[in-house]
């Protein structure tokens, strides 16, 4: 109602609430899951490079092709998580509660 709008003071309209709302549990889980997945993707990709170059300090029991398929599937899953985050407006680089960094390790 217009009469009620007249009662609002300028400070009620122009100053946003500066208190940060706690991030929901599902958003924190999604961020954490994406970060852990990115780290695993990076480690598997690094191992596959060593496998292809013959520089691993061990011989994997699985074939290169199987591990490569796993890497592909993990990448597909990471892309799905990123799309969900975009749709649900979840910032995958946001700091998690408890002080965990928002950065994903890059190789």
PDB file of N, CA and C in Angstrom:
ATOM      1  N   UNK A   1       0.830  -1.184   0.000  1.00  0.00           N
ATOM      2  CA  UNK A   1       0.000   0.000   0.000  1.00  0.00           C
ATOM      3  C   UNK A   1       0.869   1.240   0.000  1.00  0.00           C
ATOM      4  N   UNK A   2       0.421   2.265  -0.646  1.00  0.00           N
ATOM      5  CA  UNK A   2       1.184   3.503  -0.786  1.00  0.00           C
ATOM      6  C   UNK A   2       1.401   4.170   0.562  1.00  0.00           C
ATOM      7  N   UNK A   3       0.377   4.158   1.414  1.00  0.00           N
ATOM      8  CA  UNK A   3       0.530   4.795   2.724  1.00  0.00           C
ATOM      9  C   UNK A   3       1.666   4.139   3.521  1.00  0.00           C
ATOM     10  N   UNK A   4       1.785   2.804   3.431  1.00  0.00           N
ATOM     11  CA  UNK A   4       2.838   2.088   4.154  1.00  0.00           C
ATOM     12  C   UNK A   4       4.206   2.406   3.566  1.00  0.00           C
ATOM     13  N   UNK A   5       4.272   2.592   2.256  1.00  0.00           N
ATOM     14  CA  UNK A   5       5.535   2.919   1.610  1.00  0.00           C
ATOM     15  C   UNK A   5       6.056   4.268   2.085  1.00  0.00           C
ATOM     16  N   UNK A   6       5.164   5.200   2.363  1.00  0.00           N
ATOM     17  CA  UNK A   6       5.575   6.513   2.865  1.00  0.00           C
ATOM     18  C   UNK A   6       6.219   6.416   4.244  1.00  0.00           C
ATOM     19  N   UNK A   7       5.854   5.390   5.009  1.00  0.00           N
ATOM     20  CA  UNK A   7       6.397   5.216   6.355  1.00  0.00           C
ATOM     21  C   UNK A   7       7.816   4.650   6.346  1.00  0.00           C
ATOM     22  N   UNK A   8       8.235   4.085   5.219  1.00  0.00           N
ATOM     23  CA  UNK A   8       9.587   3.527   5.134  1.00  0.00           C
ATOM     24  C   UNK A   8      10.604   4.650   5.129  1.00  0.00           C
ATOM     25  N   UNK A   9      11.667   4.449   5.842  1.00  0.00           N
ATOM     26  CA  UNK A   9      12.746   5.434   5.828  1.00  0.00           C
ATOM     27  C   UNK A   9      13.744   5.046   4.747  1.00  0.00           C
ATOM     28  N   UNK A  10      14.511   6.019   4.295  1.00  0.00           N
ATOM     29  CA  UNK A  10      15.492   5.782   3.236  1.00  0.00           C
ATOM     30  C   UNK A  10      16.453   4.671   3.610  1.00  0.00           C
ATOM     31  N   UNK A  11      16.888   4.603   4.869  1.00  0.00           N
ATOM     32  CA  UNK A  11      17.850   3.574   5.285  1.00  0.00           C
ATOM     33  C   UNK A  11      17.267   2.172   5.134  1.00  0.00           C
ATOM     34  N   UNK A  12      15.945   2.026   5.222  1.00  0.00           N
ATOM     35  CA  UNK A  12      15.309   0.737   5.061  1.00  0.00           C
ATOM     36  C   UNK A  12      15.336   0.270   3.611  1.00  0.00           C
ATOM     37  N   UNK A  13      15.445   1.206   2.693  1.00  0.00           N
ATOM     38  CA  UNK A  13      15.377   0.881   1.274  1.00  0.00           C
ATOM     39  C   UNK A  13      16.768   0.737   0.664  1.00  0.00           C
ATOM     40  N   UNK A  14      17.686   1.623   1.033  1.00  0.00           N
ATOM     41  CA  UNK A  14      18.956   1.694   0.316  1.00  0.00           C
ATOM     42  C   UNK A  14      20.058   0.830   0.898  1.00  0.00           C
ATOM     43  N   UNK A  15      19.998   0.460   2.149  1.00  0.00           N
ATOM     44  CA  UNK A  15      21.083  -0.308   2.751  1.00  0.00           C
ATOM     45  C   UNK A  15      20.727  -1.787   2.787  1.00  0.00           C
ATOM     46  N   UNK A  16      21.492  -2.583   2.050  1.00  0.00           N
ATOM     47  CA  UNK A  16      21.216  -4.021   2.082  1.00  0.00           C
ATOM     48  C   UNK A  16      21.634  -4.612   3.427  1.00  0.00           C
ATOM     49  N   UNK A  17      21.052  -5.722   3.747  1.00  0.00           N
ATOM     50  CA  UNK A  17      21.417  -6.431   4.965  1.00  0.00           C
ATOM     51  C   UNK A  17      22.836  -6.965   4.790  1.00  0.00           C
ATOM     52  N   UNK A  18      23.762  -6.499   5.567  1.00  0.00           N
ATOM     53  CA  UNK A  18      25.173  -6.850   5.415  1.00  0.00           C
ATOM     54  C   UNK A  18      25.533  -8.170   6.095  1.00  0.00           C
ATOM     55  N   UNK A  19      24.645  -8.669   6.937  1.00  0.00           N
ATOM     56  CA  UNK A  19      24.932  -9.936   7.600  1.00  0.00           C
ATOM     57  C   UNK A  19      24.899 -11.064   6.602  1.00  0.00           C
ATOM     58  N   UNK A  20      25.961 -11.860   6.587  1.00  0.00           N
ATOM     59  CA  UNK A  20      26.040 -12.964   5.644  1.00  0.00           C
ATOM     60  C   UNK A  20      25.187 -14.127   6.138  1.00  0.00           C
ATOM     61  N   UNK A  21      24.361 -14.616   5.257  1.00  0.00           N
ATOM     62  CA  UNK A  21      23.532 -15.756   5.597  1.00  0.00           C
ATOM     63  C   UNK A  21      24.387 -17.019   5.527  1.00  0.00           C
ATOM     64  N   UNK A  22      24.202 -17.938   6.469  1.00  0.00           N
ATOM     65  CA  UNK A  22      24.975 -19.174   6.405  1.00  0.00           C
ATOM     66  C   UNK A  22      24.613 -19.960   5.140  1.00  0.00           C
ATOM     67  N   UNK A  23      25.617 -20.576   4.538  1.00  0.00           N
ATOM     68  CA  UNK A  23      25.408 -21.356   3.334  1.00  0.00           C
ATOM     69  C   UNK A  23      24.695 -22.655   3.713  1.00  0.00           C
ATOM     70  N   UNK A  24      23.723 -23.044   2.914  1.00  0.00           N
ATOM     71  CA  UNK A  24      22.975 -24.266   3.215  1.00  0.00           C
ATOM     72  C   UNK A  24      23.894 -25.477   3.110  1.00  0.00           C
ATOM     73  N   UNK A  25      23.526 -26.519   3.836  1.00  0.00           N
ATOM     74  CA  UNK A  25      24.332 -27.742   3.871  1.00  0.00           C
ATOM     75  C   UNK A  25      24.500 -28.358   2.488  1.00  0.00           C
ATOM     76  N   UNK A  26      23.429 -28.371   1.683  1.00  0.00           N
ATOM     77  CA  UNK A  26      23.543 -29.010   0.377  1.00  0.00           C
ATOM     78  C   UNK A  26      24.505 -28.251  -0.522  1.00  0.00           C
ATOM     79  N   UNK A  27      24.545 -26.918  -0.398  1.00  0.00           N
ATOM     80  CA  UNK A  27      25.483 -26.134  -1.197  1.00  0.00           C
ATOM     81  C   UNK A  27      26.914 -26.430  -0.765  1.00  0.00           C
ATOM     82  N   UNK A  28      27.139 -26.519   0.520  1.00  0.00           N
ATOM     83  CA  UNK A  28      28.481 -26.851   1.008  1.00  0.00           C
ATOM     84  C   UNK A  28      28.891 -28.244   0.538  1.00  0.00           C
ATOM     85  N   UNK A  29      27.961 -29.188   0.585  1.00  0.00           N
ATOM     86  CA  UNK A  29      28.287 -30.550   0.119  1.00  0.00           C
ATOM     87  C   UNK A  29      28.606 -30.549  -1.371  1.00  0.00           C
ATOM     88  N   UNK A  30      27.842 -29.775  -2.153  1.00  0.00           N
ATOM     89  CA  UNK A  30      28.084 -29.715  -3.596  1.00  0.00           C
ATOM     90  C   UNK A  30      29.463 -29.117  -3.882  1.00  0.00           C
ATOM     91  N   UNK A  31      29.802 -28.049  -3.188  1.00  0.00           N
ATOM     92  CA  UNK A  31      31.109 -27.412  -3.373  1.00  0.00           C
ATOM     93  C   UNK A  31      32.220 -28.376  -2.985  1.00  0.00           C
ATOM     94  N   UNK A  32      32.078 -29.006  -1.838  1.00  0.00           N
ATOM     95  CA  UNK A  32      33.102 -29.944  -1.361  1.00  0.00           C
ATOM     96  C   UNK A  32      33.242 -31.123  -2.330  1.00  0.00           C
ATOM     97  N   UNK A  33      32.124 -31.658  -2.781  1.00  0.00           N
ATOM     98  CA  UNK A  33      32.152 -32.783  -3.719  1.00  0.00           C
ATOM     99  C   UNK A  33      32.853 -32.392  -5.017  1.00  0.00           C
ATOM    100  N   UNK A  34      32.551 -31.210  -5.531  1.00  0.00           N
ATOM    101  CA  UNK A  34      33.178 -30.752  -6.771  1.00  0.00           C
ATOM    102  C   UNK A  34      34.683 -30.585  -6.591  1.00  0.00           C
ATOM    103  N   UNK A  35      35.089 -30.010  -5.467  1.00  0.00           N
ATOM    104  CA  UNK A  35      36.526 -29.822  -5.219  1.00  0.00           C
ATOM    105  C   UNK A  35      37.259 -31.148  -5.091  1.00  0.00           C
ATOM    106  N   UNK A  36      36.660 -32.080  -4.363  1.00  0.00           N
ATOM    107  CA  UNK A  36      37.289 -33.401  -4.216  1.00  0.00           C
ATOM    108  C   UNK A  36      37.373 -34.105  -5.562  1.00  0.00           C
ATOM    109  N   UNK A  37      36.320 -33.990  -6.365  1.00  0.00           N
ATOM    110  CA  UNK A  37      36.314 -34.602  -7.686  1.00  0.00           C
ATOM    111  C   UNK A  37      37.389 -33.983  -8.573  1.00  0.00           C
ATOM    112  N   UNK A  38      37.528 -32.661  -8.542  1.00  0.00           N
ATOM    113  CA  UNK A  38      38.560 -31.988  -9.345  1.00  0.00           C
ATOM    114  C   UNK A  38      39.954 -32.471  -8.936  1.00  0.00           C
ATOM    115  N   UNK A  39      40.163 -32.653  -7.645  1.00  0.00           N
ATOM    116  CA  UNK A  39      41.454 -33.134  -7.171  1.00  0.00           C
ATOM    117  C   UNK A  39      41.713 -34.565  -7.663  1.00  0.00           C
ATOM    118  N   UNK A  40      40.707 -35.412  -7.607  1.00  0.00           N
ATOM    119  CA  UNK A  40      40.859 -36.799  -8.082  1.00  0.00           C
ATOM    120  C   UNK A  40      41.094 -36.846  -9.590  1.00  0.00           C
ATOM    121  N   UNK A  41      40.394 -35.985 -10.322  1.00  0.00           N
ATOM    122  CA  UNK A  41      40.598 -35.904 -11.773  1.00  0.00           C
ATOM    123  C   UNK A  41      42.045 -35.519 -12.065  1.00  0.00           C
ATOM    124  N   UNK A  42      42.541 -34.534 -11.358  1.00  0.00           N
ATOM    125  CA  UNK A  42      43.908 -34.072 -11.557  1.00  0.00           C
ATOM    126  C   UNK A  42      44.915 -35.195 -11.272  1.00  0.00           C
ATOM    127  N   UNK A  43      44.706 -35.910 -10.183  1.00  0.00           N
ATOM    128  CA  UNK A  43      45.624 -36.999  -9.821  1.00  0.00           C
ATOM    129  C   UNK A  43      45.580 -38.137 -10.835  1.00  0.00           C
ATOM    130  N   UNK A  44      44.383 -38.503 -11.284  1.00  0.00           N
ATOM    131  CA  UNK A  44      44.269 -39.577 -12.269  1.00  0.00           C
ATOM    132  C   UNK A  44      44.880 -39.151 -13.599  1.00  0.00           C
ATOM    133  N   UNK A  45      44.649 -37.917 -14.013  1.00  0.00           N
ATOM    134  CA  UNK A  45      45.238 -37.422 -15.264  1.00  0.00           C
ATOM    135  C   UNK A  45      46.761 -37.447 -15.186  1.00  0.00           C
ATOM    136  N   UNK A  46      47.292 -37.060 -14.040  1.00  0.00           N
ATOM    137  CA  UNK A  46      48.744 -37.071 -13.842  1.00  0.00           C
ATOM    138  C   UNK A  46      49.271 -38.509 -13.908  1.00  0.00           C
ATOM    139  N   UNK A  47      48.553 -39.433 -13.280  1.00  0.00           N
ATOM    140  CA  UNK A  47      48.976 -40.830 -13.324  1.00  0.00           C
ATOM    141  C   UNK A  47      48.938 -41.370 -14.753  1.00  0.00           C
ATOM    142  N   UNK A  48      47.890 -41.008 -15.501  1.00  0.00           N
ATOM    143  CA  UNK A  48      47.792 -41.477 -16.886  1.00  0.00           C
ATOM    144  C   UNK A  48      48.922 -40.927 -17.742  1.00  0.00           C
ATOM    145  N   UNK A  49      49.344 -39.698 -17.474  1.00  0.00           N
ATOM    146  CA  UNK A  49      50.497 -39.147 -18.204  1.00  0.00           C
ATOM    147  C   UNK A  49      51.735 -39.998 -17.942  1.00  0.00           C
ATOM    148  N   UNK A  50      51.957 -40.333 -16.675  1.00  0.00           N
ATOM    149  CA  UNK A  50      53.095 -41.176 -16.328  1.00  0.00           C
ATOM    150  C   UNK A  50      52.973 -42.567 -16.917  1.00  0.00           C
ATOM    151  N   UNK A  51      51.766 -43.090 -16.942  1.00  0.00           N
ATOM    152  CA  UNK A  51      51.513 -44.405 -17.521  1.00  0.00           C
ATOM    153  C   UNK A  51      51.878 -44.388 -18.999  1.00  0.00           C
ATOM    154  N   UNK A  52      51.413 -43.368 -19.714  1.00  0.00           N
ATOM    155  CA  UNK A  52      51.676 -43.257 -21.155  1.00  0.00           C
ATOM    156  C   UNK A  52      53.160 -43.064 -21.449  1.00  0.00           C
ATOM    157  N   UNK A  53      53.848 -42.339 -20.565  1.00  0.00           N
ATOM    158  CA  UNK A  53      55.278 -42.070 -20.764  1.00  0.00           C
ATOM    159  C   UNK A  53      56.161 -43.185 -20.231  1.00  0.00           C
ATOM    160  N   UNK A  54      55.563 -44.120 -19.493  1.00  0.00           N
ATOM    161  CA  UNK A  54      56.335 -45.209 -18.908  1.00  0.00           C
ATOM    162  C   UNK A  54      57.179 -44.772 -17.727  1.00  0.00           C
ATOM    163  N   UNK A  55      56.759 -43.715 -17.037  1.00  0.00           N
ATOM    164  CA  UNK A  55      57.554 -43.182 -15.931  1.00  0.00           C
ATOM    165  C   UNK A  55      56.950 -43.456 -14.554  1.00  0.00           C
ATOM    166  N   UNK A  56      55.898 -44.270 -14.502  1.00  0.00           N
ATOM    167  CA  UNK A  56      55.316 -44.611 -13.201  1.00  0.00           C
ATOM    168  C   UNK A  56      56.281 -45.511 -12.436  1.00  0.00           C
ATOM    169  N   UNK A  57      56.234 -45.416 -11.152  1.00  0.00           N
ATOM    170  CA  UNK A  57      57.071 -46.275 -10.318  1.00  0.00           C
ATOM    171  C   UNK A  57      56.441 -47.624 -10.048  1.00  0.00           C
ATOM    172  N   UNK A  58      55.330 -47.908 -10.711  1.00  0.00           N
ATOM    173  CA  UNK A  58      54.624 -49.176 -10.547  1.00  0.00           C
ATOM    174  C   UNK A  58      53.877 -49.475 -11.831  1.00  0.00           C
ATOM    175  N   UNK A  59      53.378 -50.698 -11.930  1.00  0.00           N
ATOM    176  CA  UNK A  59      52.580 -51.081 -13.088  1.00  0.00           C
ATOM    177  C   UNK A  59      51.137 -51.244 -12.633  1.00  0.00           C
ATOM    178  N   UNK A  60      50.240 -50.405 -13.132  1.00  0.00           N
ATOM    179  CA  UNK A  60      48.836 -50.521 -12.737  1.00  0.00           C
ATOM    180  C   UNK A  60      48.241 -51.858 -13.177  1.00  0.00           C
ATOM    181  N   UNK A  61      47.347 -52.398 -12.366  1.00  0.00           N
ATOM    182  CA  UNK A  61      46.680 -53.650 -12.710  1.00  0.00           C
ATOM    183  C   UNK A  61      45.647 -53.421 -13.815  1.00  0.00           C
ATOM    184  N   UNK A  62      45.080 -52.215 -13.874  1.00  0.00           N
ATOM    185  CA  UNK A  62      44.066 -51.885 -14.880  1.00  0.00           C
ATOM    186  C   UNK A  62      44.736 -51.409 -16.162  1.00  0.00           C
ATOM    187  N   UNK A  63      44.037 -51.608 -17.257  1.00  0.00           N
ATOM    188  CA  UNK A  63      44.555 -51.134 -18.537  1.00  0.00           C
ATOM    189  C   UNK A  63      44.479 -49.612 -18.607  1.00  0.00           C
ATOM    190  N   UNK A  64      45.307 -49.066 -19.475  1.00  0.00           N
ATOM    191  CA  UNK A  64      45.287 -47.627 -19.716  1.00  0.00           C
ATOM    192  C   UNK A  64      43.901 -47.200 -20.176  1.00  0.00           C
ATOM    193  N   UNK A  65      43.300 -47.993 -21.077  1.00  0.00           N
ATOM    194  CA  UNK A  65      41.993 -47.646 -21.627  1.00  0.00           C
ATOM    195  C   UNK A  65      40.915 -47.586 -20.542  1.00  0.00           C
ATOM    196  N   UNK A  66      40.965 -48.511 -19.576  1.00  0.00           N
ATOM    197  CA  UNK A  66      39.976 -48.491 -18.501  1.00  0.00           C
ATOM    198  C   UNK A  66      40.136 -47.240 -17.638  1.00  0.00           C
ATOM    199  N   UNK A  67      41.370 -46.907 -17.307  1.00  0.00           N
ATOM    200  CA  UNK A  67      41.623 -45.720 -16.503  1.00  0.00           C
ATOM    201  C   UNK A  67      41.258 -44.444 -17.270  1.00  0.00           C
ATOM    202  N   UNK A  68      41.504 -44.458 -18.556  1.00  0.00           N
ATOM    203  CA  UNK A  68      41.127 -43.313 -19.394  1.00  0.00           C
ATOM    204  C   UNK A  68      39.606 -43.155 -19.437  1.00  0.00           C
ATOM    205  N   UNK A  69      38.892 -44.271 -19.489  1.00  0.00           N
ATOM    206  CA  UNK A  69      37.420 -44.232 -19.450  1.00  0.00           C
ATOM    207  C   UNK A  69      36.932 -43.677 -18.122  1.00  0.00           C
ATOM    208  N   UNK A  70      37.600 -44.063 -17.043  1.00  0.00           N
ATOM    209  CA  UNK A  70      37.242 -43.537 -15.728  1.00  0.00           C
ATOM    210  C   UNK A  70      37.440 -42.025 -15.693  1.00  0.00           C
ATOM    211  N   UNK A  71      38.562 -41.556 -16.231  1.00  0.00           N
ATOM    212  CA  UNK A  71      38.832 -40.119 -16.267  1.00  0.00           C
ATOM    213  C   UNK A  71      37.758 -39.384 -17.065  1.00  0.00           C
ATOM    214  N   UNK A  72      37.361 -39.949 -18.175  1.00  0.00           N
ATOM    215  CA  UNK A  72      36.315 -39.345 -19.002  1.00  0.00           C
ATOM    216  C   UNK A  72      35.000 -39.251 -18.217  1.00  0.00           C
ATOM    217  N   UNK A  73      34.635 -40.339 -17.542  1.00  0.00           N
ATOM    218  CA  UNK A  73      33.388 -40.362 -16.760  1.00  0.00           C
ATOM    219  C   UNK A  73      33.442 -39.345 -15.616  1.00  0.00           C
ATOM    220  N   UNK A  74      34.583 -39.228 -14.978  1.00  0.00           N
ATOM    221  CA  UNK A  74      34.742 -38.256 -13.894  1.00  0.00           C
ATOM    222  C   UNK A  74      34.605 -36.831 -14.435  1.00  0.00           C
ATOM    223  N   UNK A  75      35.168 -36.585 -15.598  1.00  0.00           N
ATOM    224  CA  UNK A  75      35.044 -35.269 -16.230  1.00  0.00           C
ATOM    225  C   UNK A  75      33.607 -34.952 -16.590  1.00  0.00           C
ATOM    226  N   UNK A  76      32.892 -35.953 -17.085  1.00  0.00           N
ATOM    227  CA  UNK A  76      31.473 -35.772 -17.401  1.00  0.00           C
ATOM    228  C   UNK A  76      30.694 -35.436 -16.136  1.00  0.00           C
ATOM    229  N   UNK A  77      30.970 -36.149 -15.061  1.00  0.00           N
ATOM    230  CA  UNK A  77      30.295 -35.897 -13.791  1.00  0.00           C
ATOM    231  C   UNK A  77      30.615 -34.490 -13.274  1.00  0.00           C
ATOM    232  N   UNK A  78      31.870 -34.068 -13.403  1.00  0.00           N
ATOM    233  CA  UNK A  78      32.256 -32.714 -12.983  1.00  0.00           C
ATOM    234  C   UNK A  78      31.472 -31.671 -13.785  1.00  0.00           C
ATOM    235  N   UNK A  79      31.309 -31.910 -15.080  1.00  0.00           N
ATOM    236  CA  UNK A  79      30.534 -30.983 -15.917  1.00  0.00           C
ATOM    237  C   UNK A  79      29.073 -30.920 -15.474  1.00  0.00           C
ATOM    238  N   UNK A  80      28.515 -32.062 -15.091  1.00  0.00           N
ATOM    239  CA  UNK A  80      27.134 -32.095 -14.609  1.00  0.00           C
ATOM    240  C   UNK A  80      27.018 -31.309 -13.310  1.00  0.00           C
ATOM    241  N   UNK A  81      27.959 -31.496 -12.396  1.00  0.00           N
ATOM    242  CA  UNK A  81      27.943 -30.738 -11.143  1.00  0.00           C
ATOM    243  C   UNK A  81      28.047 -29.237 -11.415  1.00  0.00           C
ATOM    244  N   UNK A  82      28.890 -28.857 -12.359  1.00  0.00           N
ATOM    245  CA  UNK A  82      29.042 -27.439 -12.698  1.00  0.00           C
ATOM    246  C   UNK A  82      27.749 -26.869 -13.268  1.00  0.00           C
ATOM    247  N   UNK A  83      27.065 -27.637 -14.096  1.00  0.00           N
ATOM    248  CA  UNK A  83      25.797 -27.168 -14.661  1.00  0.00           C
ATOM    249  C   UNK A  83      24.738 -27.049 -13.569  1.00  0.00           C
ATOM    250  N   UNK A  84      24.677 -28.035 -12.681  1.00  0.00           N
ATOM    251  CA  UNK A  84      23.740 -27.946 -11.546  1.00  0.00           C
ATOM    252  C   UNK A  84      24.034 -26.706 -10.712  1.00  0.00           C
ATOM    253  N   UNK A  85      25.303 -26.468 -10.458  1.00  0.00           N
ATOM    254  CA  UNK A  85      25.688 -25.308  -9.648  1.00  0.00           C
ATOM    255  C   UNK A  85      25.263 -24.019 -10.340  1.00  0.00           C
ATOM    256  N   UNK A  86      25.426 -23.957 -11.646  1.00  0.00           N
ATOM    257  CA  UNK A  86      24.998 -22.769 -12.393  1.00  0.00           C
ATOM    258  C   UNK A  86      23.495 -22.570 -12.259  1.00  0.00           C
ATOM    259  N   UNK A  87      22.728 -23.634 -12.459  1.00  0.00           N
ATOM    260  CA  UNK A  87      21.269 -23.559 -12.392  1.00  0.00           C
ATOM    261  C   UNK A  87      20.806 -23.196 -10.981  1.00  0.00           C
ATOM    262  N   UNK A  88      21.438 -23.793  -9.983  1.00  0.00           N
ATOM    263  CA  UNK A  88      21.029 -23.579  -8.595  1.00  0.00           C
ATOM    264  C   UNK A  88      21.735 -22.388  -7.949  1.00  0.00           C
ATOM    265  N   UNK A  89      22.516 -21.675  -8.748  1.00  0.00           N
ATOM    266  CA  UNK A  89      23.231 -20.478  -8.298  1.00  0.00           C
ATOM    267  C   UNK A  89      24.129 -20.771  -7.095  1.00  0.00           C
ATOM    268  N   UNK A  90      24.951 -21.805  -7.254  1.00  0.00           N
ATOM    269  CA  UNK A  90      25.931 -22.172  -6.238  1.00  0.00           C
ATOM    270  C   UNK A  90      27.303 -21.781  -6.777  1.00  0.00           C
ATOM    271  N   UNK A  91      28.013 -20.941  -6.047  1.00  0.00           N
ATOM    272  CA  UNK A  91      29.350 -20.518  -6.442  1.00  0.00           C
ATOM    273  C   UNK A  91      30.335 -21.586  -5.985  1.00  0.00           C
ATOM    274  N   UNK A  92      30.854 -22.369  -6.924  1.00  0.00           N
ATOM    275  CA  UNK A  92      31.763 -23.469  -6.587  1.00  0.00           C
ATOM    276  C   UNK A  92      33.105 -22.980  -6.054  1.00  0.00           C
ATOM    277  N   UNK A  93      33.386 -21.685  -6.186  1.00  0.00           N
ATOM    278  CA  UNK A  93      34.627 -21.122  -5.653  1.00  0.00           C
ATOM    279  C   UNK A  93      34.418 -20.369  -4.343  1.00  0.00           C
ATOM    280  N   UNK A  94      33.216 -20.421  -3.817  1.00  0.00           N
ATOM    281  CA  UNK A  94      32.926 -19.728  -2.557  1.00  0.00           C
ATOM    282  C   UNK A  94      33.658 -20.419  -1.409  1.00  0.00           C
ATOM    283  N   UNK A  95      34.119 -19.639  -0.434  1.00  0.00           N
ATOM    284  CA  UNK A  95      34.754 -20.264   0.722  1.00  0.00           C
ATOM    285  C   UNK A  95      33.720 -21.053   1.518  1.00  0.00           C
ATOM    286  N   UNK A  96      34.136 -22.193   1.991  1.00  0.00           N
ATOM    287  CA  UNK A  96      33.249 -23.015   2.809  1.00  0.00           C
ATOM    288  C   UNK A  96      33.304 -22.550   4.246  1.00  0.00           C
ATOM    289  N   UNK A  97      32.228 -22.776   4.957  1.00  0.00           N
ATOM    290  CA  UNK A  97      32.225 -22.449   6.374  1.00  0.00           C
ATOM    291  C   UNK A  97      33.244 -23.357   7.055  1.00  0.00           C
ATOM    292  N   UNK A  98      33.985 -22.792   7.982  1.00  0.00           N
ATOM    293  CA  UNK A  98      35.065 -23.544   8.609  1.00  0.00           C
ATOM    294  C   UNK A  98      36.414 -23.149   8.040  1.00  0.00           C
ATOM    295  N   UNK A  99      36.411 -22.176   7.097  1.00  0.00           N
ATOM    296  CA  UNK A  99      37.664 -21.601   6.616  1.00  0.00           C
ATOM    297  C   UNK A  99      38.322 -22.300   5.453  1.00  0.00           C
ATOM    298  N   UNK A 100      37.705 -23.307   4.870  1.00  0.00           N
ATOM    299  CA  UNK A 100      38.314 -23.995   3.746  1.00  0.00           C
ATOM    300  C   UNK A 100      38.374 -23.066   2.543  1.00  0.00           C
ATOM    301  N   UNK A 101      39.461 -23.090   1.832  1.00  0.00           N
ATOM    302  CA  UNK A 101      39.672 -22.218   0.685  1.00  0.00           C
ATOM    303  C   UNK A 101      38.688 -22.526  -0.430  1.00  0.00           C
ATOM    304  N   UNK A 102      38.380 -21.505  -1.212  1.00  0.00           N
ATOM    305  CA  UNK A 102      37.490 -21.675  -2.346  1.00  0.00           C
ATOM    306  C   UNK A 102      38.209 -22.079  -3.605  1.00  0.00           C
ATOM    307  N   UNK A 103      39.510 -22.152  -3.579  1.00  0.00           N
ATOM    308  CA  UNK A 103      40.277 -22.425  -4.782  1.00  0.00           C
ATOM    309  C   UNK A 103      40.407 -23.926  -5.021  1.00  0.00           C
ATOM    310  N   UNK A 104      40.299 -24.306  -6.277  1.00  0.00           N
ATOM    311  CA  UNK A 104      40.506 -25.695  -6.681  1.00  0.00           C
ATOM    312  C   UNK A 104      41.936 -25.815  -7.156  1.00  0.00           C
ATOM    313  N   UNK A 105      42.687 -26.836  -6.664  1.00  0.00           N
ATOM    314  CA  UNK A 105      44.074 -26.974  -7.107  1.00  0.00           C
ATOM    315  C   UNK A 105      44.152 -27.216  -8.606  1.00  0.00           C
ATOM    316  N   UNK A 106      45.104 -26.574  -9.271  1.00  0.00           N
ATOM    317  CA  UNK A 106      45.302 -26.723 -10.706  1.00  0.00           C
ATOM    318  C   UNK A 106      46.707 -27.279 -10.948  1.00  0.00           C
ATOM    319  N   UNK A 107      46.825 -28.128 -11.957  1.00  0.00           N
ATOM    320  CA  UNK A 107      48.157 -28.637 -12.348  1.00  0.00           C
ATOM    321  C   UNK A 107      48.651 -27.937 -13.574  1.00  0.00           C
TER     322      UNK A 107
END
